[in-house]
Amino acid sequence: MSRIGKVGEVSSEVLFSTQRLGFLVDPMHAILSLILALTTAASSLTLSDSVCQTRENSPVSTKDLRSAPTMITIDNRSFSLTTYPWRDFMNGGANGSPLMVVLKILSGDKQPLPSGIRMDRAWVLFNEELWDVSYLRTRLPGRDFDRDGWINCPNSPVCEATIRGGPKWGPFVYVDVVVRLTDGEGKQYLLQAPQQYVLRSD
């Protein structure tokens, strides 16, 4: 599950209080609870190769996201982010599919990424809107959703993941994409690919 909202928006919690007379529950609260459950079920995603989940508000301010560097240095080596955002109008119906973005971390020296690096969060910004994809995980064959593993970068110069189920922005608009990397010692890095053009496939 991913979170889409206005930049700077603080998500609110809907609190349900029930007044019990035996096992009797206020009918209006019961109806609201049913609507909430149906909405949650309708918005859940099952993806073949990547999973988007949001369990908390973004821990990074919009200002920090927009000012994230386009190149970072880890162990005296440089790394950058390339992306491919697109919407599918061939298999996604007349209105097209939700936004999808391929994320690629590239090492400047073409050597394998440092051991222990993982990609664990992504943000896509469009004007005043924000798509926050937290807890990036990869679907492991034969394993349940809750047991999916972190996207640990392989022994390769490229670390790749795909996020799906985004908003229906564009196509033919520009978005800013930011990912968070975490190294083996728990240190975190933000890395940005600004002004990425959303394409369409037909």
N, C-alpha and C. Protein backbone atom coordinates (compact mmCIF):
# COMPACT_ATOMS: atom_id res chain seq x y z
N MET A 1 0.86 -1.18 0.00
CA MET A 1 0.00 0.00 0.00
C MET A 1 0.89 1.22 0.00
N SER A 2 0.49 2.24 -0.73
CA SER A 2 1.27 3.46 -0.80
C SER A 2 0.40 4.64 -0.44
N ARG A 3 1.04 5.74 -0.09
CA ARG A 3 0.32 6.94 0.34
C ARG A 3 0.47 8.02 -0.69
N ILE A 4 -0.66 8.60 -1.12
CA ILE A 4 -0.67 9.68 -2.08
C ILE A 4 -1.39 10.85 -1.44
N GLY A 5 -0.77 12.02 -1.42
CA GLY A 5 -1.43 13.16 -0.81
C GLY A 5 -0.78 14.45 -1.20
N LYS A 6 -1.31 15.53 -0.67
CA LYS A 6 -0.73 16.84 -0.92
C LYS A 6 0.57 16.97 -0.15
N VAL A 7 1.53 17.67 -0.74
CA VAL A 7 2.79 17.92 -0.06
C VAL A 7 2.52 18.72 1.20
N GLY A 8 3.08 18.26 2.31
CA GLY A 8 2.90 18.94 3.57
C GLY A 8 1.66 18.50 4.31
N GLU A 9 0.85 17.62 3.71
CA GLU A 9 -0.37 17.18 4.36
C GLU A 9 -0.05 16.21 5.48
N VAL A 10 -0.72 16.35 6.59
CA VAL A 10 -0.54 15.44 7.71
C VAL A 10 -1.74 14.51 7.75
N SER A 11 -1.51 13.22 7.65
CA SER A 11 -2.62 12.27 7.64
C SER A 11 -3.28 12.24 9.01
N SER A 12 -4.60 12.15 9.00
CA SER A 12 -5.35 12.12 10.25
C SER A 12 -5.83 10.72 10.54
N GLU A 13 -6.04 10.43 11.80
CA GLU A 13 -6.54 9.14 12.20
C GLU A 13 -8.02 9.27 12.51
N VAL A 14 -8.79 8.33 12.02
CA VAL A 14 -10.21 8.33 12.31
C VAL A 14 -10.42 7.41 13.49
N LEU A 15 -10.95 7.98 14.54
CA LEU A 15 -11.13 7.21 15.77
C LEU A 15 -12.58 6.81 15.90
N PHE A 16 -12.78 5.52 16.14
CA PHE A 16 -14.13 5.01 16.31
C PHE A 16 -14.33 4.64 17.77
N SER A 17 -15.37 5.18 18.37
CA SER A 17 -15.68 4.81 19.74
C SER A 17 -17.00 4.07 19.72
N THR A 18 -17.08 2.97 20.42
CA THR A 18 -18.30 2.17 20.46
C THR A 18 -18.84 2.16 21.86
N GLN A 19 -20.15 2.26 21.94
CA GLN A 19 -20.80 2.22 23.24
C GLN A 19 -21.51 0.88 23.32
N ARG A 20 -21.07 0.06 24.22
CA ARG A 20 -21.58 -1.30 24.31
C ARG A 20 -22.72 -1.39 25.32
N LEU A 21 -23.82 -1.97 24.88
CA LEU A 21 -24.91 -2.37 25.76
C LEU A 21 -25.03 -3.87 25.56
N GLY A 22 -24.37 -4.66 26.38
CA GLY A 22 -24.18 -6.08 26.10
C GLY A 22 -23.18 -6.15 24.98
N PHE A 23 -23.60 -6.68 23.80
CA PHE A 23 -22.73 -6.73 22.62
C PHE A 23 -23.25 -5.80 21.53
N LEU A 24 -24.12 -4.82 21.91
CA LEU A 24 -24.70 -3.91 20.95
C LEU A 24 -23.69 -2.82 20.59
N VAL A 25 -23.53 -2.53 19.28
CA VAL A 25 -22.61 -1.50 18.80
C VAL A 25 -23.42 -0.46 18.05
N ASP A 26 -23.08 0.80 18.23
CA ASP A 26 -23.75 1.89 17.53
C ASP A 26 -23.80 1.60 16.03
N PRO A 27 -24.99 1.56 15.41
CA PRO A 27 -25.11 1.21 13.98
C PRO A 27 -24.28 2.12 13.08
N MET A 28 -24.22 3.43 13.38
CA MET A 28 -23.44 4.32 12.54
C MET A 28 -21.97 3.99 12.58
N HIS A 29 -21.44 3.65 13.75
CA HIS A 29 -20.04 3.25 13.86
C HIS A 29 -19.79 1.96 13.12
N ALA A 30 -20.73 1.04 13.18
CA ALA A 30 -20.58 -0.23 12.46
C ALA A 30 -20.51 0.01 10.97
N ILE A 31 -21.37 0.92 10.45
CA ILE A 31 -21.36 1.23 9.02
C ILE A 31 -20.03 1.86 8.61
N LEU A 32 -19.55 2.83 9.42
CA LEU A 32 -18.27 3.47 9.11
C LEU A 32 -17.12 2.48 9.13
N SER A 33 -17.16 1.57 10.08
CA SER A 33 -16.10 0.55 10.16
C SER A 33 -16.11 -0.33 8.93
N LEU A 34 -17.32 -0.69 8.45
CA LEU A 34 -17.43 -1.53 7.26
C LEU A 34 -16.89 -0.80 6.04
N ILE A 35 -17.24 0.50 5.90
CA ILE A 35 -16.72 1.29 4.77
C ILE A 35 -15.21 1.37 4.80
N LEU A 36 -14.63 1.58 6.00
CA LEU A 36 -13.18 1.65 6.13
C LEU A 36 -12.54 0.34 5.73
N ALA A 37 -13.11 -0.78 6.14
CA ALA A 37 -12.56 -2.10 5.81
C ALA A 37 -12.60 -2.34 4.31
N LEU A 38 -13.74 -1.97 3.67
CA LEU A 38 -13.86 -2.18 2.22
C LEU A 38 -12.88 -1.31 1.45
N THR A 39 -12.71 -0.06 1.91
CA THR A 39 -11.77 0.85 1.25
C THR A 39 -10.35 0.33 1.35
N THR A 40 -9.96 -0.18 2.52
CA THR A 40 -8.62 -0.73 2.71
C THR A 40 -8.39 -1.92 1.81
N ALA A 41 -9.39 -2.81 1.73
CA ALA A 41 -9.25 -4.01 0.90
C ALA A 41 -9.12 -3.64 -0.56
N ALA A 42 -9.89 -2.63 -1.00
CA ALA A 42 -9.86 -2.24 -2.41
C ALA A 42 -8.53 -1.62 -2.79
N SER A 43 -7.85 -0.99 -1.83
CA SER A 43 -6.61 -0.29 -2.16
C SER A 43 -5.37 -1.14 -1.99
N SER A 44 -5.51 -2.37 -1.48
CA SER A 44 -4.33 -3.21 -1.26
C SER A 44 -3.82 -3.72 -2.59
N LEU A 45 -2.50 -3.94 -2.69
CA LEU A 45 -1.86 -4.34 -3.93
C LEU A 45 -1.12 -5.64 -3.74
N THR A 46 -1.19 -6.49 -4.76
CA THR A 46 -0.36 -7.68 -4.80
C THR A 46 0.46 -7.59 -6.06
N LEU A 47 1.76 -7.45 -5.93
CA LEU A 47 2.63 -7.20 -7.07
C LEU A 47 3.59 -8.36 -7.26
N SER A 48 3.97 -8.56 -8.52
CA SER A 48 4.80 -9.72 -8.83
C SER A 48 6.26 -9.53 -8.43
N ASP A 49 6.76 -8.31 -8.52
CA ASP A 49 8.19 -8.15 -8.28
C ASP A 49 8.54 -7.04 -7.31
N SER A 50 7.60 -6.24 -6.90
CA SER A 50 7.89 -5.26 -5.87
C SER A 50 6.62 -4.91 -5.13
N VAL A 51 6.76 -4.52 -3.90
CA VAL A 51 5.61 -4.26 -3.06
C VAL A 51 5.74 -2.88 -2.44
N CYS A 52 4.66 -2.12 -2.42
CA CYS A 52 4.65 -0.80 -1.83
C CYS A 52 3.81 -0.83 -0.57
N GLN A 53 4.33 -0.33 0.51
CA GLN A 53 3.62 -0.30 1.77
C GLN A 53 3.90 1.00 2.48
N THR A 54 2.89 1.59 3.07
CA THR A 54 3.08 2.78 3.88
C THR A 54 2.51 2.51 5.26
N ARG A 55 3.32 2.62 6.28
CA ARG A 55 2.87 2.38 7.64
C ARG A 55 3.07 3.59 8.54
N GLU A 56 3.64 4.65 7.99
CA GLU A 56 3.92 5.82 8.82
C GLU A 56 3.99 7.04 7.94
N ASN A 57 3.93 8.22 8.55
CA ASN A 57 4.11 9.44 7.79
C ASN A 57 5.56 9.52 7.31
N SER A 58 5.76 10.27 6.23
CA SER A 58 7.10 10.39 5.69
C SER A 58 8.05 10.96 6.74
N PRO A 59 9.19 10.30 6.98
CA PRO A 59 10.13 10.79 7.99
C PRO A 59 11.02 11.91 7.46
N VAL A 60 10.85 12.25 6.19
CA VAL A 60 11.69 13.26 5.56
C VAL A 60 10.80 14.39 5.05
N SER A 61 11.20 15.63 5.29
CA SER A 61 10.40 16.77 4.86
C SER A 61 10.47 16.91 3.34
N THR A 62 9.46 17.56 2.79
CA THR A 62 9.43 17.81 1.35
C THR A 62 10.64 18.63 0.92
N LYS A 63 11.03 19.60 1.75
CA LYS A 63 12.20 20.42 1.45
C LYS A 63 13.45 19.57 1.31
N ASP A 64 13.63 18.62 2.23
CA ASP A 64 14.80 17.74 2.17
C ASP A 64 14.74 16.83 0.95
N LEU A 65 13.56 16.38 0.59
CA LEU A 65 13.43 15.52 -0.59
C LEU A 65 13.83 16.29 -1.85
N ARG A 66 13.32 17.51 -1.97
CA ARG A 66 13.62 18.30 -3.17
C ARG A 66 15.07 18.75 -3.24
N SER A 67 15.75 18.77 -2.10
CA SER A 67 17.15 19.19 -2.08
C SER A 67 18.11 18.00 -1.99
N ALA A 68 17.59 16.80 -2.11
CA ALA A 68 18.44 15.60 -2.06
C ALA A 68 19.45 15.63 -3.21
N PRO A 69 20.65 15.14 -3.00
CA PRO A 69 21.68 15.19 -4.05
C PRO A 69 21.38 14.23 -5.20
N THR A 70 21.96 14.54 -6.35
CA THR A 70 21.83 13.66 -7.51
C THR A 70 22.98 12.67 -7.59
N MET A 71 23.94 12.80 -6.69
CA MET A 71 25.05 11.84 -6.60
C MET A 71 25.51 11.77 -5.14
N ILE A 72 25.78 10.57 -4.67
CA ILE A 72 26.28 10.40 -3.31
C ILE A 72 27.60 9.63 -3.34
N THR A 73 28.34 9.73 -2.24
CA THR A 73 29.61 9.02 -2.13
C THR A 73 29.58 8.09 -0.93
N ILE A 74 29.87 6.83 -1.17
CA ILE A 74 29.95 5.82 -0.12
C ILE A 74 31.29 5.10 -0.28
N ASP A 75 32.08 5.07 0.77
CA ASP A 75 33.40 4.43 0.70
C ASP A 75 34.24 4.99 -0.44
N ASN A 76 34.18 6.33 -0.60
CA ASN A 76 34.96 7.02 -1.63
C ASN A 76 34.57 6.62 -3.06
N ARG A 77 33.34 6.15 -3.21
CA ARG A 77 32.84 5.78 -4.53
C ARG A 77 31.53 6.52 -4.77
N SER A 78 31.28 6.90 -6.03
CA SER A 78 30.09 7.69 -6.35
C SER A 78 28.96 6.80 -6.88
N PHE A 79 27.71 7.21 -6.56
CA PHE A 79 26.53 6.48 -7.00
C PHE A 79 25.45 7.46 -7.42
N SER A 80 24.70 7.08 -8.44
CA SER A 80 23.63 7.93 -8.96
C SER A 80 22.36 7.11 -9.17
N LEU A 81 21.27 7.82 -9.40
CA LEU A 81 19.97 7.19 -9.60
C LEU A 81 19.44 7.52 -10.99
N THR A 82 19.01 6.51 -11.71
CA THR A 82 18.27 6.71 -12.96
C THR A 82 16.90 6.07 -12.80
N THR A 83 15.93 6.61 -13.49
CA THR A 83 14.57 6.08 -13.35
C THR A 83 13.89 6.00 -14.72
N TYR A 84 12.84 5.21 -14.76
CA TYR A 84 12.01 5.12 -15.95
C TYR A 84 10.55 5.11 -15.49
N PRO A 85 9.91 6.29 -15.42
CA PRO A 85 8.50 6.34 -15.04
C PRO A 85 7.60 6.21 -16.27
N TRP A 86 6.55 5.41 -16.14
CA TRP A 86 5.65 5.26 -17.28
C TRP A 86 4.28 4.76 -16.84
N ARG A 87 3.32 4.91 -17.75
CA ARG A 87 1.99 4.36 -17.57
C ARG A 87 1.64 3.52 -18.78
N ASP A 88 0.96 2.42 -18.53
CA ASP A 88 0.65 1.43 -19.57
C ASP A 88 -0.75 1.68 -20.12
N PHE A 89 -0.82 2.07 -21.40
CA PHE A 89 -2.11 2.27 -22.06
C PHE A 89 -2.42 1.11 -23.01
N MET A 90 -1.56 0.11 -23.04
CA MET A 90 -1.82 -1.07 -23.88
C MET A 90 -2.65 -2.08 -23.10
N ASN A 91 -2.20 -2.36 -21.86
CA ASN A 91 -2.90 -3.34 -21.03
C ASN A 91 -3.67 -2.68 -19.88
N GLY A 92 -3.55 -1.36 -19.75
CA GLY A 92 -4.16 -0.67 -18.63
C GLY A 92 -5.50 -0.05 -18.93
N GLY A 93 -6.10 -0.38 -20.10
CA GLY A 93 -7.40 0.17 -20.44
C GLY A 93 -7.30 1.56 -21.04
N ALA A 94 -8.46 2.12 -21.37
CA ALA A 94 -8.51 3.41 -22.04
C ALA A 94 -7.92 4.53 -21.20
N ASN A 95 -8.07 4.43 -19.89
CA ASN A 95 -7.55 5.46 -18.99
C ASN A 95 -6.11 5.22 -18.55
N GLY A 96 -5.54 4.09 -18.99
CA GLY A 96 -4.15 3.79 -18.64
C GLY A 96 -3.98 3.25 -17.24
N SER A 97 -2.84 2.65 -17.01
CA SER A 97 -2.54 2.07 -15.71
C SER A 97 -2.09 3.15 -14.73
N PRO A 98 -2.08 2.84 -13.43
CA PRO A 98 -1.43 3.74 -12.48
C PRO A 98 0.06 3.86 -12.80
N LEU A 99 0.69 4.86 -12.24
CA LEU A 99 2.10 5.13 -12.49
C LEU A 99 2.99 4.00 -12.00
N MET A 100 4.00 3.67 -12.79
CA MET A 100 5.04 2.70 -12.43
C MET A 100 6.39 3.38 -12.64
N VAL A 101 7.35 3.04 -11.81
CA VAL A 101 8.68 3.64 -11.94
C VAL A 101 9.75 2.58 -11.72
N VAL A 102 10.65 2.44 -12.69
CA VAL A 102 11.83 1.59 -12.51
C VAL A 102 12.91 2.44 -11.86
N LEU A 103 13.51 1.91 -10.81
CA LEU A 103 14.57 2.61 -10.07
C LEU A 103 15.88 1.85 -10.26
N LYS A 104 16.93 2.56 -10.62
CA LYS A 104 18.24 1.93 -10.80
C LYS A 104 19.32 2.75 -10.11
N ILE A 105 20.04 2.11 -9.19
CA ILE A 105 21.20 2.72 -8.56
C ILE A 105 22.43 2.26 -9.34
N LEU A 106 23.23 3.21 -9.80
CA LEU A 106 24.39 2.90 -10.63
C LEU A 106 25.67 3.33 -9.92
N SER A 107 26.69 2.49 -9.99
CA SER A 107 27.99 2.86 -9.44
C SER A 107 28.81 3.56 -10.52
N GLY A 108 29.46 4.67 -10.15
CA GLY A 108 30.20 5.46 -11.11
C GLY A 108 31.39 4.73 -11.71
N ASP A 109 31.99 3.82 -10.95
CA ASP A 109 33.17 3.11 -11.44
C ASP A 109 32.84 1.76 -12.07
N LYS A 110 31.54 1.46 -12.20
CA LYS A 110 31.07 0.21 -12.82
C LYS A 110 31.44 -1.03 -12.03
N GLN A 111 31.85 -0.84 -10.78
CA GLN A 111 32.17 -1.96 -9.92
C GLN A 111 30.95 -2.30 -9.05
N PRO A 112 30.91 -3.51 -8.49
CA PRO A 112 29.76 -3.89 -7.66
C PRO A 112 29.54 -2.93 -6.51
N LEU A 113 28.28 -2.75 -6.13
CA LEU A 113 27.94 -1.89 -5.01
C LEU A 113 28.51 -2.47 -3.72
N PRO A 114 28.75 -1.62 -2.72
CA PRO A 114 29.27 -2.12 -1.44
C PRO A 114 28.34 -3.15 -0.82
N SER A 115 28.90 -4.08 -0.13
CA SER A 115 28.11 -5.13 0.52
C SER A 115 27.20 -4.52 1.58
N GLY A 116 25.97 -5.00 1.65
CA GLY A 116 25.03 -4.57 2.68
C GLY A 116 24.15 -3.40 2.31
N ILE A 117 24.32 -2.84 1.11
CA ILE A 117 23.48 -1.72 0.68
C ILE A 117 22.09 -2.24 0.32
N ARG A 118 21.05 -1.51 0.77
CA ARG A 118 19.70 -1.86 0.36
C ARG A 118 18.91 -0.59 0.03
N MET A 119 17.92 -0.75 -0.84
CA MET A 119 17.02 0.33 -1.22
C MET A 119 15.71 0.09 -0.46
N ASP A 120 15.33 1.02 0.44
CA ASP A 120 14.20 0.68 1.31
C ASP A 120 13.06 1.70 1.33
N ARG A 121 13.17 2.79 0.56
CA ARG A 121 12.05 3.74 0.51
C ARG A 121 12.18 4.59 -0.75
N ALA A 122 11.04 5.04 -1.27
CA ALA A 122 11.06 5.89 -2.46
C ALA A 122 9.93 6.92 -2.37
N TRP A 123 10.18 8.07 -2.98
CA TRP A 123 9.18 9.13 -3.06
C TRP A 123 9.14 9.63 -4.50
N VAL A 124 7.93 9.94 -4.97
CA VAL A 124 7.76 10.57 -6.28
C VAL A 124 6.96 11.84 -6.06
N LEU A 125 7.49 12.99 -6.51
CA LEU A 125 6.85 14.28 -6.31
C LEU A 125 6.41 14.85 -7.65
N PHE A 126 5.15 15.34 -7.67
CA PHE A 126 4.60 15.98 -8.87
C PHE A 126 3.88 17.24 -8.43
N ASN A 127 4.43 18.39 -8.78
CA ASN A 127 3.89 19.67 -8.33
C ASN A 127 3.73 19.65 -6.81
N GLU A 128 2.50 19.78 -6.31
CA GLU A 128 2.29 19.81 -4.87
C GLU A 128 1.84 18.46 -4.32
N GLU A 129 1.94 17.41 -5.12
CA GLU A 129 1.51 16.09 -4.67
C GLU A 129 2.72 15.18 -4.43
N LEU A 130 2.51 14.21 -3.55
CA LEU A 130 3.59 13.32 -3.15
C LEU A 130 3.10 11.88 -3.11
N TRP A 131 3.82 10.98 -3.77
CA TRP A 131 3.58 9.55 -3.67
C TRP A 131 4.70 8.97 -2.83
N ASP A 132 4.35 8.48 -1.66
CA ASP A 132 5.33 7.97 -0.69
C ASP A 132 5.24 6.45 -0.67
N VAL A 133 6.32 5.79 -1.07
CA VAL A 133 6.37 4.32 -1.09
C VAL A 133 7.37 3.87 -0.04
N SER A 134 6.86 3.39 1.09
CA SER A 134 7.74 2.98 2.17
C SER A 134 7.83 1.47 2.24
N TYR A 135 8.84 1.01 2.94
CA TYR A 135 9.06 -0.43 3.12
C TYR A 135 9.13 -1.13 1.77
N LEU A 136 10.01 -0.64 0.92
CA LEU A 136 10.24 -1.30 -0.37
C LEU A 136 10.71 -2.74 -0.11
N ARG A 137 10.00 -3.66 -0.70
CA ARG A 137 10.36 -5.06 -0.54
C ARG A 137 10.25 -5.77 -1.88
N THR A 138 10.93 -6.87 -2.01
CA THR A 138 10.88 -7.65 -3.23
C THR A 138 10.15 -8.96 -2.97
N ARG A 139 9.35 -9.38 -3.91
CA ARG A 139 8.60 -10.61 -3.77
C ARG A 139 9.54 -11.82 -3.97
N LEU A 140 9.64 -12.64 -2.94
CA LEU A 140 10.47 -13.83 -3.01
C LEU A 140 9.60 -15.02 -3.38
N PRO A 141 10.03 -15.88 -4.32
CA PRO A 141 9.21 -17.00 -4.76
C PRO A 141 8.77 -17.88 -3.60
N GLY A 142 7.47 -18.20 -3.59
CA GLY A 142 6.95 -19.12 -2.61
C GLY A 142 6.79 -18.56 -1.21
N ARG A 143 6.91 -17.22 -1.04
CA ARG A 143 6.81 -16.64 0.29
C ARG A 143 5.62 -15.68 0.37
N ASP A 144 5.05 -15.56 1.54
CA ASP A 144 3.89 -14.71 1.74
C ASP A 144 4.29 -13.24 1.72
N PHE A 145 3.27 -12.37 1.57
CA PHE A 145 3.50 -10.92 1.52
C PHE A 145 4.30 -10.44 2.72
N ASP A 146 3.91 -10.85 3.92
CA ASP A 146 4.55 -10.36 5.14
C ASP A 146 5.98 -10.87 5.30
N ARG A 147 6.36 -11.85 4.48
CA ARG A 147 7.71 -12.41 4.59
C ARG A 147 8.60 -12.00 3.43
N ASP A 148 8.12 -11.06 2.63
CA ASP A 148 8.95 -10.58 1.53
C ASP A 148 10.22 -9.95 2.09
N GLY A 149 11.28 -9.99 1.30
CA GLY A 149 12.56 -9.51 1.79
C GLY A 149 12.87 -8.10 1.35
N TRP A 150 13.80 -7.46 2.06
CA TRP A 150 14.27 -6.14 1.65
C TRP A 150 14.92 -6.23 0.28
N ILE A 151 14.95 -5.11 -0.42
CA ILE A 151 15.63 -5.07 -1.71
C ILE A 151 17.11 -4.84 -1.43
N ASN A 152 17.81 -5.92 -1.19
CA ASN A 152 19.25 -5.86 -0.96
C ASN A 152 19.96 -5.82 -2.30
N CYS A 153 20.80 -4.83 -2.49
CA CYS A 153 21.48 -4.68 -3.78
C CYS A 153 22.45 -5.84 -4.00
N PRO A 154 22.44 -6.42 -5.19
CA PRO A 154 23.27 -7.59 -5.47
C PRO A 154 24.73 -7.21 -5.66
N ASN A 155 25.55 -8.22 -5.83
CA ASN A 155 26.97 -8.03 -6.12
C ASN A 155 27.11 -7.61 -7.58
N SER A 156 26.68 -6.39 -7.88
CA SER A 156 26.57 -5.91 -9.25
C SER A 156 26.72 -4.39 -9.25
N PRO A 157 27.11 -3.80 -10.38
CA PRO A 157 27.21 -2.34 -10.46
C PRO A 157 25.84 -1.66 -10.49
N VAL A 158 24.75 -2.44 -10.63
CA VAL A 158 23.40 -1.89 -10.73
C VAL A 158 22.50 -2.54 -9.70
N CYS A 159 21.71 -1.72 -9.01
CA CYS A 159 20.68 -2.21 -8.09
C CYS A 159 19.35 -1.71 -8.62
N GLU A 160 18.42 -2.61 -8.93
CA GLU A 160 17.19 -2.23 -9.61
C GLU A 160 15.95 -2.69 -8.85
N ALA A 161 14.91 -1.87 -8.87
CA ALA A 161 13.61 -2.22 -8.29
C ALA A 161 12.54 -1.49 -9.09
N THR A 162 11.31 -1.96 -8.99
CA THR A 162 10.18 -1.33 -9.67
C THR A 162 9.08 -1.06 -8.66
N ILE A 163 8.56 0.16 -8.65
CA ILE A 163 7.41 0.47 -7.81
C ILE A 163 6.19 0.63 -8.72
N ARG A 164 5.05 0.16 -8.23
CA ARG A 164 3.83 0.14 -9.03
C ARG A 164 2.65 0.66 -8.21
N GLY A 165 1.53 0.86 -8.91
CA GLY A 165 0.31 1.24 -8.23
C GLY A 165 0.26 2.68 -7.79
N GLY A 166 0.95 3.56 -8.50
CA GLY A 166 0.97 4.97 -8.12
C GLY A 166 -0.25 5.73 -8.61
N PRO A 167 -0.22 7.03 -8.49
CA PRO A 167 -1.32 7.87 -9.00
C PRO A 167 -1.31 7.92 -10.52
N LYS A 168 -2.35 8.43 -11.11
CA LYS A 168 -2.44 8.52 -12.57
C LYS A 168 -2.00 9.92 -13.02
N TRP A 169 -0.75 10.25 -12.73
CA TRP A 169 -0.19 11.51 -13.19
C TRP A 169 0.29 11.35 -14.63
N GLY A 170 0.03 12.36 -15.46
CA GLY A 170 0.49 12.31 -16.83
C GLY A 170 -0.35 11.38 -17.69
N PRO A 171 0.28 10.85 -18.76
CA PRO A 171 1.71 10.91 -19.06
C PRO A 171 2.14 12.30 -19.59
N PHE A 172 3.41 12.34 -19.98
CA PHE A 172 4.02 13.54 -20.56
C PHE A 172 4.10 14.69 -19.56
N VAL A 173 4.42 14.34 -18.32
CA VAL A 173 4.69 15.34 -17.28
C VAL A 173 6.01 14.98 -16.62
N TYR A 174 6.55 15.90 -15.85
CA TYR A 174 7.82 15.67 -15.17
C TYR A 174 7.58 15.42 -13.68
N VAL A 175 8.30 14.45 -13.14
CA VAL A 175 8.23 14.16 -11.71
C VAL A 175 9.66 14.10 -11.16
N ASP A 176 9.79 14.33 -9.86
CA ASP A 176 11.07 14.16 -9.18
C ASP A 176 11.02 12.86 -8.38
N VAL A 177 12.06 12.06 -8.48
CA VAL A 177 12.10 10.76 -7.81
C VAL A 177 13.26 10.74 -6.82
N VAL A 178 12.98 10.29 -5.60
CA VAL A 178 14.00 10.21 -4.55
C VAL A 178 13.93 8.81 -3.94
N VAL A 179 15.09 8.21 -3.71
CA VAL A 179 15.14 6.93 -3.01
C VAL A 179 16.01 7.07 -1.76
N ARG A 180 15.79 6.18 -0.83
CA ARG A 180 16.62 6.12 0.37
C ARG A 180 17.40 4.82 0.36
N LEU A 181 18.71 4.93 0.52
CA LEU A 181 19.59 3.77 0.63
C LEU A 181 20.05 3.65 2.08
N THR A 182 20.19 2.43 2.54
CA THR A 182 20.71 2.15 3.88
C THR A 182 21.88 1.20 3.74
N ASP A 183 23.03 1.55 4.37
CA ASP A 183 24.19 0.67 4.26
C ASP A 183 24.20 -0.36 5.37
N GLY A 184 25.22 -1.18 5.38
CA GLY A 184 25.30 -2.28 6.34
C GLY A 184 25.40 -1.83 7.78
N GLU A 185 25.78 -0.57 8.02
CA GLU A 185 25.89 -0.04 9.37
C GLU A 185 24.66 0.76 9.79
N GLY A 186 23.66 0.80 8.90
CA GLY A 186 22.43 1.52 9.22
C GLY A 186 22.42 2.97 8.82
N LYS A 187 23.49 3.48 8.21
CA LYS A 187 23.53 4.86 7.77
C LYS A 187 22.66 5.02 6.53
N GLN A 188 21.89 6.12 6.49
CA GLN A 188 20.95 6.32 5.40
C GLN A 188 21.38 7.47 4.49
N TYR A 189 21.05 7.32 3.20
CA TYR A 189 21.40 8.30 2.18
C TYR A 189 20.18 8.57 1.31
N LEU A 190 19.92 9.83 0.99
CA LEU A 190 18.90 10.19 0.01
C LEU A 190 19.58 10.45 -1.32
N LEU A 191 18.93 10.00 -2.39
CA LEU A 191 19.49 10.15 -3.74
C LEU A 191 18.35 10.50 -4.68
N GLN A 192 18.55 11.55 -5.48
CA GLN A 192 17.46 12.08 -6.29
C GLN A 192 17.74 12.01 -7.79
N ALA A 193 16.67 11.78 -8.56
CA ALA A 193 16.68 11.94 -10.01
C ALA A 193 15.58 12.94 -10.33
N PRO A 194 15.93 14.22 -10.51
CA PRO A 194 14.90 15.24 -10.73
C PRO A 194 14.43 15.27 -12.18
N GLN A 195 13.23 15.85 -12.36
CA GLN A 195 12.69 16.12 -13.70
C GLN A 195 12.70 14.86 -14.59
N GLN A 196 12.05 13.83 -14.10
CA GLN A 196 11.94 12.59 -14.86
C GLN A 196 10.63 12.61 -15.66
N TYR A 197 10.72 12.33 -16.95
CA TYR A 197 9.58 12.45 -17.86
C TYR A 197 8.74 11.18 -17.84
N VAL A 198 7.45 11.32 -17.57
CA VAL A 198 6.54 10.15 -17.51
C VAL A 198 6.09 9.82 -18.93
N LEU A 199 6.45 8.64 -19.38
CA LEU A 199 6.09 8.18 -20.73
C LEU A 199 4.85 7.31 -20.68
N ARG A 200 4.37 6.90 -21.84
CA ARG A 200 3.24 5.98 -21.94
C ARG A 200 3.60 4.88 -22.95
N SER A 201 3.10 3.68 -22.69
CA SER A 201 3.28 2.58 -23.62
C SER A 201 1.91 2.26 -24.23
N ASP A 202 1.91 2.06 -25.56
CA ASP A 202 0.66 1.77 -26.29
C ASP A 202 0.79 0.46 -27.04
